[in-house]
């Protein structure tokens, strides 16, 4: 495993990834979207692997670009729009519950 990924595998906070890769960020954006940013970063890594034969510096630039892209997704949008997690993907298909069905579900007194 390359050392860039080896180091990143030890991180647990979004700020660690951002700082290590040198991505400038607004703490407010990260506080609200940290899990979404990291999940999107993971998705980008899975779909856009680095070109083979990249040296350590090249790998770092590649991952910095992917993390910058993931972060930017949430600077200009939000979690509900980006639908990174399954709960947001499924929410678009949720049916509305009528007041009548709620009343019918209440215990009779």
PDB file of N, CA and C in Angstrom:
ATOM      1  N   UNK A   1       0.847  -1.176   0.000  1.00  0.00           N
ATOM      2  CA  UNK A   1       0.000   0.000   0.000  1.00  0.00           C
ATOM      3  C   UNK A   1       0.893   1.241   0.000  1.00  0.00           C
ATOM      4  N   UNK A   2       0.498   2.260  -0.750  1.00  0.00           N
ATOM      5  CA  UNK A   2       1.309   3.478  -0.767  1.00  0.00           C
ATOM      6  C   UNK A   2       1.194   4.198   0.576  1.00  0.00           C
ATOM      7  N   UNK A   3       2.138   5.032   0.871  1.00  0.00           N
ATOM      8  CA  UNK A   3       2.166   5.669   2.188  1.00  0.00           C
ATOM      9  C   UNK A   3       1.092   6.738   2.349  1.00  0.00           C
ATOM     10  N   UNK A   4       0.651   7.360   1.265  1.00  0.00           N
ATOM     11  CA  UNK A   4      -0.435   8.352   1.374  1.00  0.00           C
ATOM     12  C   UNK A   4      -1.686   7.660   1.890  1.00  0.00           C
ATOM     13  N   UNK A   5      -2.081   6.570   1.271  1.00  0.00           N
ATOM     14  CA  UNK A   5      -3.256   5.831   1.745  1.00  0.00           C
ATOM     15  C   UNK A   5      -3.017   5.243   3.126  1.00  0.00           C
ATOM     16  N   UNK A   6      -1.814   4.772   3.376  1.00  0.00           N
ATOM     17  CA  UNK A   6      -1.491   4.227   4.693  1.00  0.00           C
ATOM     18  C   UNK A   6      -1.686   5.257   5.790  1.00  0.00           C
ATOM     19  N   UNK A   7      -1.250   6.471   5.550  1.00  0.00           N
ATOM     20  CA  UNK A   7      -1.440   7.540   6.530  1.00  0.00           C
ATOM     21  C   UNK A   7      -2.911   7.905   6.667  1.00  0.00           C
ATOM     22  N   UNK A   8      -3.610   8.008   5.533  1.00  0.00           N
ATOM     23  CA  UNK A   8      -5.017   8.395   5.594  1.00  0.00           C
ATOM     24  C   UNK A   8      -5.864   7.336   6.296  1.00  0.00           C
ATOM     25  N   UNK A   9      -5.460   6.080   6.210  1.00  0.00           N
ATOM     26  CA  UNK A   9      -6.203   5.018   6.903  1.00  0.00           C
ATOM     27  C   UNK A   9      -6.167   5.177   8.415  1.00  0.00           C
ATOM     28  N   UNK A  10      -5.244   5.962   8.916  1.00  0.00           N
ATOM     29  CA  UNK A  10      -5.141   6.193  10.359  1.00  0.00           C
ATOM     30  C   UNK A  10      -6.011   7.361  10.822  1.00  0.00           C
ATOM     31  N   UNK A  11      -6.523   8.155   9.896  1.00  0.00           N
ATOM     32  CA  UNK A  11      -7.292   9.339  10.264  1.00  0.00           C
ATOM     33  C   UNK A  11      -8.716   8.970  10.639  1.00  0.00           C
ATOM     34  N   UNK A  12      -9.293   9.780  11.525  1.00  0.00           N
ATOM     35  CA  UNK A  12     -10.687   9.553  11.893  1.00  0.00           C
ATOM     36  C   UNK A  12     -11.542  10.809  11.746  1.00  0.00           C
ATOM     37  N   UNK A  13     -10.927  11.966  11.598  1.00  0.00           N
ATOM     38  CA  UNK A  13     -11.671  13.214  11.498  1.00  0.00           C
ATOM     39  C   UNK A  13     -11.485  13.825  10.110  1.00  0.00           C
ATOM     40  N   UNK A  14     -12.525  14.465   9.620  1.00  0.00           N
ATOM     41  CA  UNK A  14     -12.467  15.106   8.312  1.00  0.00           C
ATOM     42  C   UNK A  14     -11.343  16.131   8.258  1.00  0.00           C
ATOM     43  N   UNK A  15     -11.155  16.847   9.346  1.00  0.00           N
ATOM     44  CA  UNK A  15     -10.107  17.860   9.380  1.00  0.00           C
ATOM     45  C   UNK A  15      -8.723  17.253   9.186  1.00  0.00           C
ATOM     46  N   UNK A  16      -8.512  16.041   9.661  1.00  0.00           N
ATOM     47  CA  UNK A  16      -7.220  15.383   9.472  1.00  0.00           C
ATOM     48  C   UNK A  16      -6.933  15.153   7.985  1.00  0.00           C
ATOM     49  N   UNK A  17      -7.945  14.698   7.258  1.00  0.00           N
ATOM     50  CA  UNK A  17      -7.786  14.488   5.822  1.00  0.00           C
ATOM     51  C   UNK A  17      -7.527  15.812   5.116  1.00  0.00           C
ATOM     52  N   UNK A  18      -8.336  16.814   5.432  1.00  0.00           N
ATOM     53  CA  UNK A  18      -8.212  18.124   4.790  1.00  0.00           C
ATOM     54  C   UNK A  18      -6.854  18.755   5.066  1.00  0.00           C
ATOM     55  N   UNK A  19      -6.416  18.700   6.314  1.00  0.00           N
ATOM     56  CA  UNK A  19      -5.118  19.273   6.675  1.00  0.00           C
ATOM     57  C   UNK A  19      -3.969  18.508   6.015  1.00  0.00           C
ATOM     58  N   UNK A  20      -4.010  17.193   6.072  1.00  0.00           N
ATOM     59  CA  UNK A  20      -2.932  16.372   5.516  1.00  0.00           C
ATOM     60  C   UNK A  20      -2.772  16.600   4.011  1.00  0.00           C
ATOM     61  N   UNK A  21      -3.892  16.699   3.315  1.00  0.00           N
ATOM     62  CA  UNK A  21      -3.828  16.861   1.864  1.00  0.00           C
ATOM     63  C   UNK A  21      -3.736  18.321   1.437  1.00  0.00           C
ATOM     64  N   UNK A  22      -3.814  19.231   2.404  1.00  0.00           N
ATOM     65  CA  UNK A  22      -3.647  20.647   2.089  1.00  0.00           C
ATOM     66  C   UNK A  22      -4.838  21.289   1.417  1.00  0.00           C
ATOM     67  N   UNK A  23      -6.039  20.866   1.794  1.00  0.00           N
ATOM     68  CA  UNK A  23      -7.257  21.450   1.235  1.00  0.00           C
ATOM     69  C   UNK A  23      -7.745  22.549   2.179  1.00  0.00           C
ATOM     70  N   UNK A  24      -7.862  23.769   1.659  1.00  0.00           N
ATOM     71  CA  UNK A  24      -8.409  24.864   2.460  1.00  0.00           C
ATOM     72  C   UNK A  24      -9.895  24.613   2.678  1.00  0.00           C
ATOM     73  N   UNK A  25     -10.376  24.916   3.882  1.00  0.00           N
ATOM     74  CA  UNK A  25     -11.782  24.651   4.173  1.00  0.00           C
ATOM     75  C   UNK A  25     -12.335  25.637   5.190  1.00  0.00           C
ATOM     76  N   UNK A  26     -13.640  25.757   5.157  1.00  0.00           N
ATOM     77  CA  UNK A  26     -14.388  26.559   6.115  1.00  0.00           C
ATOM     78  C   UNK A  26     -14.877  25.591   7.199  1.00  0.00           C
ATOM     79  N   UNK A  27     -14.503  25.857   8.424  1.00  0.00           N
ATOM     80  CA  UNK A  27     -14.862  24.971   9.532  1.00  0.00           C
ATOM     81  C   UNK A  27     -16.382  24.775   9.639  1.00  0.00           C
ATOM     82  N   UNK A  28     -17.147  25.808   9.346  1.00  0.00           N
ATOM     83  CA  UNK A  28     -18.607  25.698   9.400  1.00  0.00           C
ATOM     84  C   UNK A  28     -19.148  24.688   8.401  1.00  0.00           C
ATOM     85  N   UNK A  29     -18.604  24.693   7.192  1.00  0.00           N
ATOM     86  CA  UNK A  29     -19.028  23.721   6.172  1.00  0.00           C
ATOM     87  C   UNK A  29     -18.686  22.305   6.631  1.00  0.00           C
ATOM     88  N   UNK A  30     -17.495  22.135   7.178  1.00  0.00           N
ATOM     89  CA  UNK A  30     -17.062  20.810   7.628  1.00  0.00           C
ATOM     90  C   UNK A  30     -17.900  20.349   8.828  1.00  0.00           C
ATOM     91  N   UNK A  31     -18.185  21.240   9.759  1.00  0.00           N
ATOM     92  CA  UNK A  31     -18.970  20.861  10.935  1.00  0.00           C
ATOM     93  C   UNK A  31     -20.342  20.331  10.556  1.00  0.00           C
ATOM     94  N   UNK A  32     -20.947  20.895   9.536  1.00  0.00           N
ATOM     95  CA  UNK A  32     -22.288  20.480   9.123  1.00  0.00           C
ATOM     96  C   UNK A  32     -22.253  19.250   8.221  1.00  0.00           C
ATOM     97  N   UNK A  33     -21.180  19.085   7.436  1.00  0.00           N
ATOM     98  CA  UNK A  33     -21.167  18.058   6.380  1.00  0.00           C
ATOM     99  C   UNK A  33     -20.028  17.060   6.463  1.00  0.00           C
ATOM    100  N   UNK A  34     -19.366  16.937   7.594  1.00  0.00           N
ATOM    101  CA  UNK A  34     -18.152  16.120   7.679  1.00  0.00           C
ATOM    102  C   UNK A  34     -18.327  14.692   7.168  1.00  0.00           C
ATOM    103  N   UNK A  35     -19.365  14.012   7.579  1.00  0.00           N
ATOM    104  CA  UNK A  35     -19.555  12.626   7.137  1.00  0.00           C
ATOM    105  C   UNK A  35     -19.884  12.548   5.655  1.00  0.00           C
ATOM    106  N   UNK A  36     -20.640  13.518   5.187  1.00  0.00           N
ATOM    107  CA  UNK A  36     -21.006  13.545   3.774  1.00  0.00           C
ATOM    108  C   UNK A  36     -19.788  13.809   2.901  1.00  0.00           C
ATOM    109  N   UNK A  37     -18.924  14.710   3.332  1.00  0.00           N
ATOM    110  CA  UNK A  37     -17.699  15.006   2.585  1.00  0.00           C
ATOM    111  C   UNK A  37     -16.814  13.761   2.519  1.00  0.00           C
ATOM    112  N   UNK A  38     -16.643  13.085   3.652  1.00  0.00           N
ATOM    113  CA  UNK A  38     -15.789  11.895   3.669  1.00  0.00           C
ATOM    114  C   UNK A  38     -16.390  10.763   2.847  1.00  0.00           C
ATOM    115  N   UNK A  39     -17.696  10.605   2.898  1.00  0.00           N
ATOM    116  CA  UNK A  39     -18.352   9.560   2.100  1.00  0.00           C
ATOM    117  C   UNK A  39     -18.195   9.858   0.611  1.00  0.00           C
ATOM    118  N   UNK A  40     -18.389  11.111   0.225  1.00  0.00           N
ATOM    119  CA  UNK A  40     -18.223  11.484  -1.179  1.00  0.00           C
ATOM    120  C   UNK A  40     -16.767  11.278  -1.610  1.00  0.00           C
ATOM    121  N   UNK A  41     -15.814  11.623  -0.758  1.00  0.00           N
ATOM    122  CA  UNK A  41     -14.390  11.395  -1.030  1.00  0.00           C
ATOM    123  C   UNK A  41     -14.146   9.909  -1.271  1.00  0.00           C
ATOM    124  N   UNK A  42     -14.713   9.078  -0.422  1.00  0.00           N
ATOM    125  CA  UNK A  42     -14.583   7.621  -0.581  1.00  0.00           C
ATOM    126  C   UNK A  42     -15.168   7.181  -1.921  1.00  0.00           C
ATOM    127  N   UNK A  43     -16.309   7.735  -2.294  1.00  0.00           N
ATOM    128  CA  UNK A  43     -16.925   7.388  -3.582  1.00  0.00           C
ATOM    129  C   UNK A  43     -16.019   7.799  -4.740  1.00  0.00           C
ATOM    130  N   UNK A  44     -15.444   8.988  -4.661  1.00  0.00           N
ATOM    131  CA  UNK A  44     -14.544   9.445  -5.717  1.00  0.00           C
ATOM    132  C   UNK A  44     -13.305   8.554  -5.808  1.00  0.00           C
ATOM    133  N   UNK A  45     -12.766   8.162  -4.667  1.00  0.00           N
ATOM    134  CA  UNK A  45     -11.602   7.269  -4.679  1.00  0.00           C
ATOM    135  C   UNK A  45     -11.959   5.956  -5.368  1.00  0.00           C
ATOM    136  N   UNK A  46     -13.153   5.439  -5.095  1.00  0.00           N
ATOM    137  CA  UNK A  46     -13.580   4.179  -5.692  1.00  0.00           C
ATOM    138  C   UNK A  46     -13.826   4.257  -7.189  1.00  0.00           C
ATOM    139  N   UNK A  47     -14.281   5.412  -7.658  1.00  0.00           N
ATOM    140  CA  UNK A  47     -14.610   5.533  -9.081  1.00  0.00           C
ATOM    141  C   UNK A  47     -13.509   6.188  -9.917  1.00  0.00           C
ATOM    142  N   UNK A  48     -12.593   6.885  -9.250  1.00  0.00           N
ATOM    143  CA  UNK A  48     -11.513   7.574  -9.963  1.00  0.00           C
ATOM    144  C   UNK A  48     -10.157   7.191  -9.368  1.00  0.00           C
ATOM    145  N   UNK A  49      -9.725   5.953  -9.567  1.00  0.00           N
ATOM    146  CA  UNK A  49      -8.446   5.529  -8.993  1.00  0.00           C
ATOM    147  C   UNK A  49      -7.289   6.303  -9.622  1.00  0.00           C
ATOM    148  N   UNK A  50      -6.191   6.418  -8.890  1.00  0.00           N
ATOM    149  CA  UNK A  50      -5.039   7.136  -9.445  1.00  0.00           C
ATOM    150  C   UNK A  50      -4.429   6.363 -10.608  1.00  0.00           C
ATOM    151  N   UNK A  51      -3.854   7.081 -11.553  1.00  0.00           N
ATOM    152  CA  UNK A  51      -3.154   6.393 -12.647  1.00  0.00           C
ATOM    153  C   UNK A  51      -2.014   5.537 -12.087  1.00  0.00           C
ATOM    154  N   UNK A  52      -1.783   4.414 -12.697  1.00  0.00           N
ATOM    155  CA  UNK A  52      -0.719   3.536 -12.200  1.00  0.00           C
ATOM    156  C   UNK A  52       0.636   4.198 -12.375  1.00  0.00           C
ATOM    157  N   UNK A  53       1.518   3.890 -11.454  1.00  0.00           N
ATOM    158  CA  UNK A  53       2.880   4.384 -11.530  1.00  0.00           C
ATOM    159  C   UNK A  53       3.099   5.785 -10.989  1.00  0.00           C
ATOM    160  N   UNK A  54       2.082   6.367 -10.357  1.00  0.00           N
ATOM    161  CA  UNK A  54       2.271   7.706  -9.794  1.00  0.00           C
ATOM    162  C   UNK A  54       3.206   7.645  -8.596  1.00  0.00           C
ATOM    163  N   UNK A  55       4.097   8.591  -8.522  1.00  0.00           N
ATOM    164  CA  UNK A  55       4.976   8.710  -7.347  1.00  0.00           C
ATOM    165  C   UNK A  55       4.154   9.260  -6.189  1.00  0.00           C
ATOM    166  N   UNK A  56       4.755   9.249  -5.019  1.00  0.00           N
ATOM    167  CA  UNK A  56       4.085   9.693  -3.791  1.00  0.00           C
ATOM    168  C   UNK A  56       3.485  11.102  -3.936  1.00  0.00           C
ATOM    169  N   UNK A  57       4.245  12.024  -4.506  1.00  0.00           N
ATOM    170  CA  UNK A  57       3.742  13.390  -4.690  1.00  0.00           C
ATOM    171  C   UNK A  57       2.535  13.414  -5.619  1.00  0.00           C
ATOM    172  N   UNK A  58       2.585  12.626  -6.666  1.00  0.00           N
ATOM    173  CA  UNK A  58       1.466  12.539  -7.606  1.00  0.00           C
ATOM    174  C   UNK A  58       0.217  11.964  -6.966  1.00  0.00           C
ATOM    175  N   UNK A  59       0.404  10.941  -6.123  1.00  0.00           N
ATOM    176  CA  UNK A  59      -0.737  10.351  -5.416  1.00  0.00           C
ATOM    177  C   UNK A  59      -1.378  11.370  -4.484  1.00  0.00           C
ATOM    178  N   UNK A  60      -0.545  12.100  -3.808  1.00  0.00           N
ATOM    179  CA  UNK A  60      -1.055  13.111  -2.873  1.00  0.00           C
ATOM    180  C   UNK A  60      -1.864  14.177  -3.618  1.00  0.00           C
ATOM    181  N   UNK A  61      -1.359  14.598  -4.763  1.00  0.00           N
ATOM    182  CA  UNK A  61      -2.088  15.581  -5.588  1.00  0.00           C
ATOM    183  C   UNK A  61      -3.408  14.988  -6.060  1.00  0.00           C
ATOM    184  N   UNK A  62      -3.389  13.740  -6.486  1.00  0.00           N
ATOM    185  CA  UNK A  62      -4.610  13.073  -6.953  1.00  0.00           C
ATOM    186  C   UNK A  62      -5.667  13.043  -5.843  1.00  0.00           C
ATOM    187  N   UNK A  63      -5.266  12.604  -4.661  1.00  0.00           N
ATOM    188  CA  UNK A  63      -6.215  12.526  -3.551  1.00  0.00           C
ATOM    189  C   UNK A  63      -6.642  13.911  -3.072  1.00  0.00           C
ATOM    190  N   UNK A  64      -5.750  14.883  -3.139  1.00  0.00           N
ATOM    191  CA  UNK A  64      -6.122  16.260  -2.775  1.00  0.00           C
ATOM    192  C   UNK A  64      -7.191  16.779  -3.733  1.00  0.00           C
ATOM    193  N   UNK A  65      -7.031  16.496  -5.017  1.00  0.00           N
ATOM    194  CA  UNK A  65      -8.030  16.921  -6.001  1.00  0.00           C
ATOM    195  C   UNK A  65      -9.388  16.278  -5.736  1.00  0.00           C
ATOM    196  N   UNK A  66      -9.381  14.996  -5.403  1.00  0.00           N
ATOM    197  CA  UNK A  66     -10.640  14.306  -5.117  1.00  0.00           C
ATOM    198  C   UNK A  66     -11.302  14.853  -3.854  1.00  0.00           C
ATOM    199  N   UNK A  67     -10.506  15.097  -2.810  1.00  0.00           N
ATOM    200  CA  UNK A  67     -11.068  15.639  -1.573  1.00  0.00           C
ATOM    201  C   UNK A  67     -11.549  17.070  -1.785  1.00  0.00           C
ATOM    202  N   UNK A  68     -10.832  17.846  -2.544  1.00  0.00           N
ATOM    203  CA  UNK A  68     -11.270  19.215  -2.857  1.00  0.00           C
ATOM    204  C   UNK A  68     -12.607  19.190  -3.584  1.00  0.00           C
ATOM    205  N   UNK A  69     -12.743  18.266  -4.491  1.00  0.00           N
ATOM    206  CA  UNK A  69     -13.998  18.117  -5.246  1.00  0.00           C
ATOM    207  C   UNK A  69     -15.138  17.704  -4.320  1.00  0.00           C
ATOM    208  N   UNK A  70     -14.859  16.756  -3.419  1.00  0.00           N
ATOM    209  CA  UNK A  70     -15.881  16.307  -2.463  1.00  0.00           C
ATOM    210  C   UNK A  70     -16.290  17.451  -1.542  1.00  0.00           C
ATOM    211  N   UNK A  71     -15.331  18.196  -1.052  1.00  0.00           N
ATOM    212  CA  UNK A  71     -15.624  19.337  -0.187  1.00  0.00           C
ATOM    213  C   UNK A  71     -16.443  20.381  -0.943  1.00  0.00           C
ATOM    214  N   UNK A  72     -16.047  20.696  -2.167  1.00  0.00           N
ATOM    215  CA  UNK A  72     -16.758  21.699  -2.968  1.00  0.00           C
ATOM    216  C   UNK A  72     -18.206  21.304  -3.227  1.00  0.00           C
ATOM    217  N   UNK A  73     -18.467  20.004  -3.333  1.00  0.00           N
ATOM    218  CA  UNK A  73     -19.840  19.549  -3.530  1.00  0.00           C
ATOM    219  C   UNK A  73     -20.762  20.058  -2.426  1.00  0.00           C
ATOM    220  N   UNK A  74     -20.227  20.197  -1.213  1.00  0.00           N
ATOM    221  CA  UNK A  74     -21.054  20.594  -0.080  1.00  0.00           C
ATOM    222  C   UNK A  74     -20.926  22.072   0.273  1.00  0.00           C
ATOM    223  N   UNK A  75     -19.994  22.753  -0.360  1.00  0.00           N
ATOM    224  CA  UNK A  75     -19.927  24.209  -0.209  1.00  0.00           C
ATOM    225  C   UNK A  75     -21.074  24.830  -0.994  1.00  0.00           C
ATOM    226  N   UNK A  76     -21.364  24.273  -2.144  1.00  0.00           N
ATOM    227  CA  UNK A  76     -22.353  24.834  -3.053  1.00  0.00           C
ATOM    228  C   UNK A  76     -23.680  24.085  -3.031  1.00  0.00           C
ATOM    229  N   UNK A  77     -23.817  23.101  -2.168  1.00  0.00           N
ATOM    230  CA  UNK A  77     -25.030  22.291  -2.109  1.00  0.00           C
ATOM    231  C   UNK A  77     -25.254  21.860  -0.667  1.00  0.00           C
ATOM    232  N   UNK A  78     -26.079  20.827  -0.473  1.00  0.00           N
ATOM    233  CA  UNK A  78     -26.314  20.320   0.879  1.00  0.00           C
ATOM    234  C   UNK A  78     -26.524  18.812   0.829  1.00  0.00           C
ATOM    235  N   UNK A  79     -26.595  18.220   1.996  1.00  0.00           N
ATOM    236  CA  UNK A  79     -26.677  16.761   2.094  1.00  0.00           C
ATOM    237  C   UNK A  79     -27.936  16.210   1.430  1.00  0.00           C
ATOM    238  N   UNK A  80     -29.057  16.894   1.601  1.00  0.00           N
ATOM    239  CA  UNK A  80     -30.307  16.409   1.016  1.00  0.00           C
ATOM    240  C   UNK A  80     -30.255  16.438  -0.510  1.00  0.00           C
ATOM    241  N   UNK A  81     -29.608  17.417  -1.069  1.00  0.00           N
ATOM    242  CA  UNK A  81     -29.499  17.530  -2.526  1.00  0.00           C
ATOM    243  C   UNK A  81     -28.492  16.527  -3.079  1.00  0.00           C
ATOM    244  N   UNK A  82     -27.365  16.377  -2.416  1.00  0.00           N
ATOM    245  CA  UNK A  82     -26.294  15.497  -2.896  1.00  0.00           C
ATOM    246  C   UNK A  82     -26.620  14.018  -2.726  1.00  0.00           C
ATOM    247  N   UNK A  83     -27.430  13.672  -1.737  1.00  0.00           N
ATOM    248  CA  UNK A  83     -27.893  12.295  -1.520  1.00  0.00           C
ATOM    249  C   UNK A  83     -26.757  11.268  -1.490  1.00  0.00           C
ATOM    250  N   UNK A  84     -25.749  11.538  -0.658  1.00  0.00           N
ATOM    251  CA  UNK A  84     -24.606  10.634  -0.546  1.00  0.00           C
ATOM    252  C   UNK A  84     -24.996   9.352   0.189  1.00  0.00           C
ATOM    253  N   UNK A  85     -25.769   9.505   1.250  1.00  0.00           N
ATOM    254  CA  UNK A  85     -26.152   8.349   2.062  1.00  0.00           C
ATOM    255  C   UNK A  85     -27.495   7.791   1.626  1.00  0.00           C
ATOM    256  N   UNK A  86     -27.680   6.522   1.851  1.00  0.00           N
ATOM    257  CA  UNK A  86     -28.876   5.805   1.413  1.00  0.00           C
ATOM    258  C   UNK A  86     -30.156   6.440   1.949  1.00  0.00           C
ATOM    259  N   UNK A  87     -30.129   6.926   3.167  1.00  0.00           N
ATOM    260  CA  UNK A  87     -31.332   7.517   3.752  1.00  0.00           C
ATOM    261  C   UNK A  87     -31.820   8.694   2.914  1.00  0.00           C
ATOM    262  N   UNK A  88     -30.911   9.479   2.356  1.00  0.00           N
ATOM    263  CA  UNK A  88     -31.305  10.600   1.503  1.00  0.00           C
ATOM    264  C   UNK A  88     -31.735  10.119   0.125  1.00  0.00           C
ATOM    265  N   UNK A  89     -31.143   9.040  -0.344  1.00  0.00           N
ATOM    266  CA  UNK A  89     -31.521   8.491  -1.644  1.00  0.00           C
ATOM    267  C   UNK A  89     -32.939   7.940  -1.589  1.00  0.00           C
ATOM    268  N   UNK A  90     -33.286   7.303  -0.479  1.00  0.00           N
ATOM    269  CA  UNK A  90     -34.610   6.721  -0.318  1.00  0.00           C
ATOM    270  C   UNK A  90     -35.666   7.774   0.022  1.00  0.00           C
ATOM    271  N   UNK A  91     -35.260   8.865   0.637  1.00  0.00           N
ATOM    272  CA  UNK A  91     -36.207   9.886   1.076  1.00  0.00           C
ATOM    273  C   UNK A  91     -36.987  10.475  -0.088  1.00  0.00           C
ATOM    274  N   UNK A  92     -36.406  10.508  -1.252  1.00  0.00           N
ATOM    275  CA  UNK A  92     -37.090  11.075  -2.410  1.00  0.00           C
ATOM    276  C   UNK A  92     -38.321  10.257  -2.786  1.00  0.00           C
ATOM    277  N   UNK A  93     -38.345   8.977  -2.439  1.00  0.00           N
ATOM    278  CA  UNK A  93     -39.465   8.118  -2.792  1.00  0.00           C
ATOM    279  C   UNK A  93     -40.478   7.910  -1.684  1.00  0.00           C
ATOM    280  N   UNK A  94     -40.323   8.570  -0.560  1.00  0.00           N
ATOM    281  CA  UNK A  94     -41.217   8.376   0.573  1.00  0.00           C
ATOM    282  C   UNK A  94     -42.584   8.954   0.260  1.00  0.00           C
ATOM    283  N   UNK A  95     -43.606   8.188   0.544  1.00  0.00           N
ATOM    284  CA  UNK A  95     -44.975   8.646   0.347  1.00  0.00           C
ATOM    285  C   UNK A  95     -45.417   9.485   1.529  1.00  0.00           C
ATOM    286  N   UNK A  96     -46.301  10.403   1.289  1.00  0.00           N
ATOM    287  CA  UNK A  96     -46.834  11.223   2.367  1.00  0.00           C
ATOM    288  C   UNK A  96     -47.921  10.447   3.093  1.00  0.00           C
ATOM    289  N   UNK A  97     -48.006  10.677   4.382  1.00  0.00           N
ATOM    290  CA  UNK A  97     -49.017  10.015   5.206  1.00  0.00           C
ATOM    291  C   UNK A  97     -50.146  11.008   5.423  1.00  0.00           C
ATOM    292  N   UNK A  98     -51.354  10.570   5.148  1.00  0.00           N
ATOM    293  CA  UNK A  98     -52.491  11.473   5.303  1.00  0.00           C
ATOM    294  C   UNK A  98     -52.879  11.612   6.771  1.00  0.00           C
ATOM    295  N   UNK A  99     -53.532  12.712   7.091  1.00  0.00           N
ATOM    296  CA  UNK A  99     -54.011  12.949   8.449  1.00  0.00           C
ATOM    297  C   UNK A  99     -55.030  11.878   8.822  1.00  0.00           C
ATOM    298  N   UNK A 100     -55.831  11.474   7.865  1.00  0.00           N
ATOM    299  CA  UNK A 100     -56.851  10.445   8.124  1.00  0.00           C
ATOM    300  C   UNK A 100     -56.217   9.116   8.530  1.00  0.00           C
ATOM    301  N   UNK A 101     -55.131   8.738   7.887  1.00  0.00           N
ATOM    302  CA  UNK A 101     -54.480   7.475   8.252  1.00  0.00           C
ATOM    303  C   UNK A 101     -53.832   7.580   9.627  1.00  0.00           C
ATOM    304  N   UNK A 102     -53.347   8.764   9.995  1.00  0.00           N
ATOM    305  CA  UNK A 102     -52.802   8.966  11.338  1.00  0.00           C
ATOM    306  C   UNK A 102     -53.900   8.853  12.378  1.00  0.00           C
ATOM    307  N   UNK A 103     -55.043   9.483  12.107  1.00  0.00           N
ATOM    308  CA  UNK A 103     -56.187   9.397  13.048  1.00  0.00           C
ATOM    309  C   UNK A 103     -56.631   7.953  13.218  1.00  0.00           C
ATOM    310  N   UNK A 104     -56.660   7.217  12.138  1.00  0.00           N
ATOM    311  CA  UNK A 104     -57.095   5.824  12.199  1.00  0.00           C
ATOM    312  C   UNK A 104     -56.130   4.973  12.991  1.00  0.00           C
ATOM    313  N   UNK A 105     -54.875   5.378  13.078  1.00  0.00           N
ATOM    314  CA  UNK A 105     -53.893   4.587  13.814  1.00  0.00           C
ATOM    315  C   UNK A 105     -53.889   4.888  15.314  1.00  0.00           C
ATOM    316  N   UNK A 106     -54.566   5.941  15.722  1.00  0.00           N
ATOM    317  CA  UNK A 106     -54.620   6.292  17.151  1.00  0.00           C
ATOM    318  C   UNK A 106     -55.534   5.333  17.900  1.00  0.00           C
ATOM    319  N   UNK A 107     -55.200   5.049  19.174  1.00  0.00           N
ATOM    320  CA  UNK A 107     -56.093   4.185  19.960  1.00  0.00           C
ATOM    321  C   UNK A 107     -57.414   4.895  20.214  1.00  0.00           C
ATOM    322  N   UNK A 108     -58.455   4.158  20.222  1.00  0.00           N
ATOM    323  CA  UNK A 108     -59.802   4.718  20.468  1.00  0.00           C
ATOM    324  C   UNK A 108     -60.030   4.871  21.957  1.00  0.00           C
ATOM    325  N   UNK A 109     -60.567   6.009  22.356  1.00  0.00           N
ATOM    326  CA  UNK A 109     -60.835   6.237  23.785  1.00  0.00           C
ATOM    327  C   UNK A 109     -62.296   6.425  24.052  1.00  0.00           C
TER     328      UNK A 109
END
